[in-house]
Each structure stands twice: as C-alpha cells, then as structure tokens.
C-alpha cells in the first residue's frame, strides 16, 4: 500500500477526521470530534453517549399518555381519568398504618438504592499502567496535588495514532519516574471521561497537556516530538532550569564548545522582559542547550554592546546573532521560530531522523534536489545547490533527497522514479503546488534564478497527470485524469459528479461500492456523468483537494460552476442530490432527546450530516 508522502500533508485514517481540519506537519495525530468512535462506516465521530437512565414518567405524564392512547377512546379513557383523580384525592385520607407501611417500604427501597450508589462510588486512588497514571474525574485533582509537573495524554482507544504513541509514552513515563517523583505522565480516555474532555476542550486525539503546580485552569499545550526521547527532553526542560548561567569567559567557552549547537542570551538585566522571553523560548526549543549571561566581560569577549541572542553552531556560518530591538523588545514566539530556522543546516538531507525538523521549522517553501547518492557525478551537484540556498535562508528550505534511500518513499507524490534523478522540484507547502524547470540546469545561478522566478509568480505549477485508460469513458463510473478533466467536468451539456480519492484512503474504500452502484444507476442518463479521479496522481490548476474523499458536482451550463457535496455517502442521498440539481431537498428536522452526560452538539457539514475523510 502506498505511504502518504510527508510533503502531501496527509495521513490515512486510523481515526476519523473532521472535514474542516488540516493536519499540521509533522504531526500525524488523530484529529477527531471530541467524541467516541464511529457509529458506522463513513460516519464522523459523534459526541460520546454517557450512561443514560430515563426517569420514570410522573403522574401527569401518565395521565397525558393515557388520555392520548391510540386505542383508548370514550368511556374507557374517562374511567381511567377518574381512577387517576380518585387516587390523587384519596391517597392522603388512607389509614396511618397504610401510610406508615408505605413509608417503611419506601424506606427500604431508598436504603437499597443508597447501597447500590455506594457500590458505584469511584475511588480517588491513583493506579498505573506501564508507569502511566490512569486518570479519571474522581482522581484527577489528587494527581494534580501530588505531582508538580503532570503531562496528561487525552486519547481514544480506537485511535491508531494513540495506539502508536502508547509504547513511546510508557517508555518516557518510566524514564521520568526514575529521575524524579515530582514529574509524572498520565492518561485519560477522553471518550469515557466526557466531563474532563469537555473541560479541557479536547478536539483531537491524542492531545497532550502539561499541568504545573496543581493549576487546573491553565494547562500548557505540549509542543515537543511524539517519541519517548522527545517527551523526556521536553519535560526535563520544564522540570529543571531551562538555561545555564555563564559567569566568565572560560565557562562560556567550555559550554559553547561542548556541543554542536548552543544558544546564549546576553542580557544586561537577567530579570528584564527580554530575558524572560528568552527563558520562554528555551522551554520550547528543547533539542538545543541554552546559556545566559549578564557579565560585562562576556559582552566584550563576544563583541556585543546590546542585549543579543547568539546561536553558536559547528556547521554553515558558525554563528548567528539576533539583536534585541530596544523599542519592540524580544518576542518569544518569533525568537523560537528564528532559532528553529537557523538551527537547520543550510541544505538538509531528507531522512527519518531529519523529517520532523524539516517540517517542524514551518518554512513555507521547499526546494528539492533528487539524486542518487551512490552516483559520484550526482553527488557533485550538491555544491552548487548549497551556493544557491544561501540567498533564501528562512524563506525556502533546500533539501537533498536520495532516490535510492529513504527518499524513495516520497517519489510517487512527485510523479518521479529513481531513473529520473538527478532532478529538481520546488513545492509550496500551503497548497502542495509543485514547480519544475522547463530545461533543467544545476548551476547555482540557474537554481537561484528558478527559485526567485517561482517566488515572483512568473512560473506556472507543474501538474501531474496519468494517461487515460483506453476504456475510461465506457465504464459506468468514468475514469478521469488531469489531461481529460477539463473537457469532461466543464462540458456545458452534462451534469458531472466527481469523486476525488486516494488509493490508500480507508474512507474512499468504504464508499467505493456505493459510488459504483450510483454509476450503474445513471449510466443511461444522457445528461448525468458519474466519474472519479485519483487525486494523488493527477493535479488540477484551479482546484485544490484538501481531503479524501472529496466530492464535487459540476452542473451543466456556462460559468464553470462547482458545488461541493458534503452529506451522507450513500446511493439514495447521492440520487436525491442529483435529481434535485445539486442540492438536497429540505427535510423536517428530527428532534431527539439529548442524553445526559453528552455535549449535545456536533459540528455538521453544510448539508447537515457529519462525515469522515482523510485530510491533507
């Protein structure tokens, strides 16, 4: 099965995804409604249904029910009414002995109920699974009071991404527990603990939040890597001092030379606002050691006169300075971004180890050199590629992809094979638009001019397209490719309904039979075309597919209109949509009682039905 490409910003649905969500890179977390699992194939997740005990109807309710009974009419109904009224009037006048007996019996019932309730009370004891605290609403406060730092994972049992995180989370929990009893990891089944899920606004699985010093109202969102080492580093940075105080030249020199990359903050006042912003950034960039100093000696040694943050590294330019603007001060978020950008090598090698750094830096454009590292002539191309990269630091990230190594996994996304190397591609991360040189040249000047031309909007994107199958238009469901899409979808004499899918998408597979049945139903209609297109192998200039499956309806007539279908994926609803000219007929709303312990709400698609799909 094809693996979704990291540059495609996609992931296949181990869990269900909201139609409106995009998956942020590089995290392949399971986005879902803050809810339970799917009700049925194709459904989006709905609010969890907590235990619901319907109350017994009251006497007036019984009376109304009796008066409106389907078969009770005339005198029978009137007799029942009289009986109810008589019981209401005569009850208080009955003997004391009867009343006492009734009270006694009622007392027995109440006592039994109280005993049952006592049996159901959940303890606040803290239990563990693989060194991870198992938390629920009855022991959550106790955990907050006992541990100074508590990182809590809110998960769903059915979520594939949560299942993959579980062993890493457990390993991190064991490592941290051995280091300090004040730092612990816990987990909450958000589908069962609805009150906790609602309180903390959980709308994605897994979601990790850090609770510090028992503070329940302002947890900190986890921003580290989703592996054991990353979790441990992130927690250790928050458990201890985030920076090392450097007091003299020898200490500073030893600190800087000890590691490949360090950050040092030079501040006249370590209690000032700029220094506080520096400490905040140090808590976020956990893969780099941070030092801080206010010593005049060190300002002089490193040639500084004003507050400055310096990034020292044993590659590329060696040192990058970020002076603090006296008027605007130091912004922690912007400093974090700059440090992540400049901590990357000028040219990155794409690998399993560097993938999270490449996408985590959130640089908006990538320039890729695909080559075979086992071919010496191709390796030599890296020199000019590096020369071109220096002009675009922070705006375009230059990446080398080995087509004979780890990079082979991303080749299909770019429509490439190993035989195409060496070759260059530019990609805009916001919409996955790819750009290719008309005539490839690998000199530094040619690469630099090409990148600038793309940034200036002077080059059109390179669109992938398969060749159309010979029988593409003879099947009940027409098979479209990039080359044939325009002529079919925008045929002014046809109403065209298109499914955009990915071969690896589980939701697409679930609805495949319904789409084929729809094609059979309308294959003899002259003015209706049912079609599909593999959106991973075919691209369109003016239509961006942001999730799988995506369904678009192109009505007949001029104007190149397009309507997105976002309702239930079954043949009957599809047919109603088609027969009604691209809309669903109005239907009276179904009113149902909202169960207790439920949020009672869910985000609906424009057509009123929640559906799942794999997002890009």
Foldseek 3Di string as FASTA:
>chain_A
DAADDQLVQFHFPLAFAFPPDGRAPPDPFFFAALAAGAPDFFAGGDHFFADFDDDDDDLVVVLVCLLPPPPDDDPSNVVVVVVSVCCVVCVVVDDPVVVVVVVVVVVVVVVVVVVVVVVVDDALDWDDDLLATEDAPRNPLVVLQQAQKEKEWAAAPSGPNLVVLVVQLSLLQVVVVVVDVNHGYYYYPSNHRVVVCVLVVDRTPTWIWMRGNSDPNDTHGDDWDSGSVGVNLLVVCVVDPLAAEDEADVSVVCVLVVDQKAKEKEALDCPDPLVVLVSVLSSNPRVHHYYYYNHPNVCVVVVHDATWMKMAGPDDPGIDIDGADPVPGDHNVVVNLVCLLVVDHLEAEDDPVCRRSVSVSVQFKEKEWEAAPVDVVQVVLVVQLSVLSVVQRSNYRYYYYHCVPRNVSCQLLVPHHNVPPGAMWMAGSVFRFIAGDPDDDRGNVVVNVVVVCVVVVNGATDWFWDDADPCQPVALAHEDIQVCCCVPLQAQQAKEKEKEAAPSHPSCVVLVVQLSVLSVVCVPPPRYHHYYYDPSRGDYRPDGDFWPTWMWIRHHHDDRDIDTDFADRGNVQVVQCVVVRNAHDDDDDDDDDDGPPTPSDDDADPNGGTTGTIGD
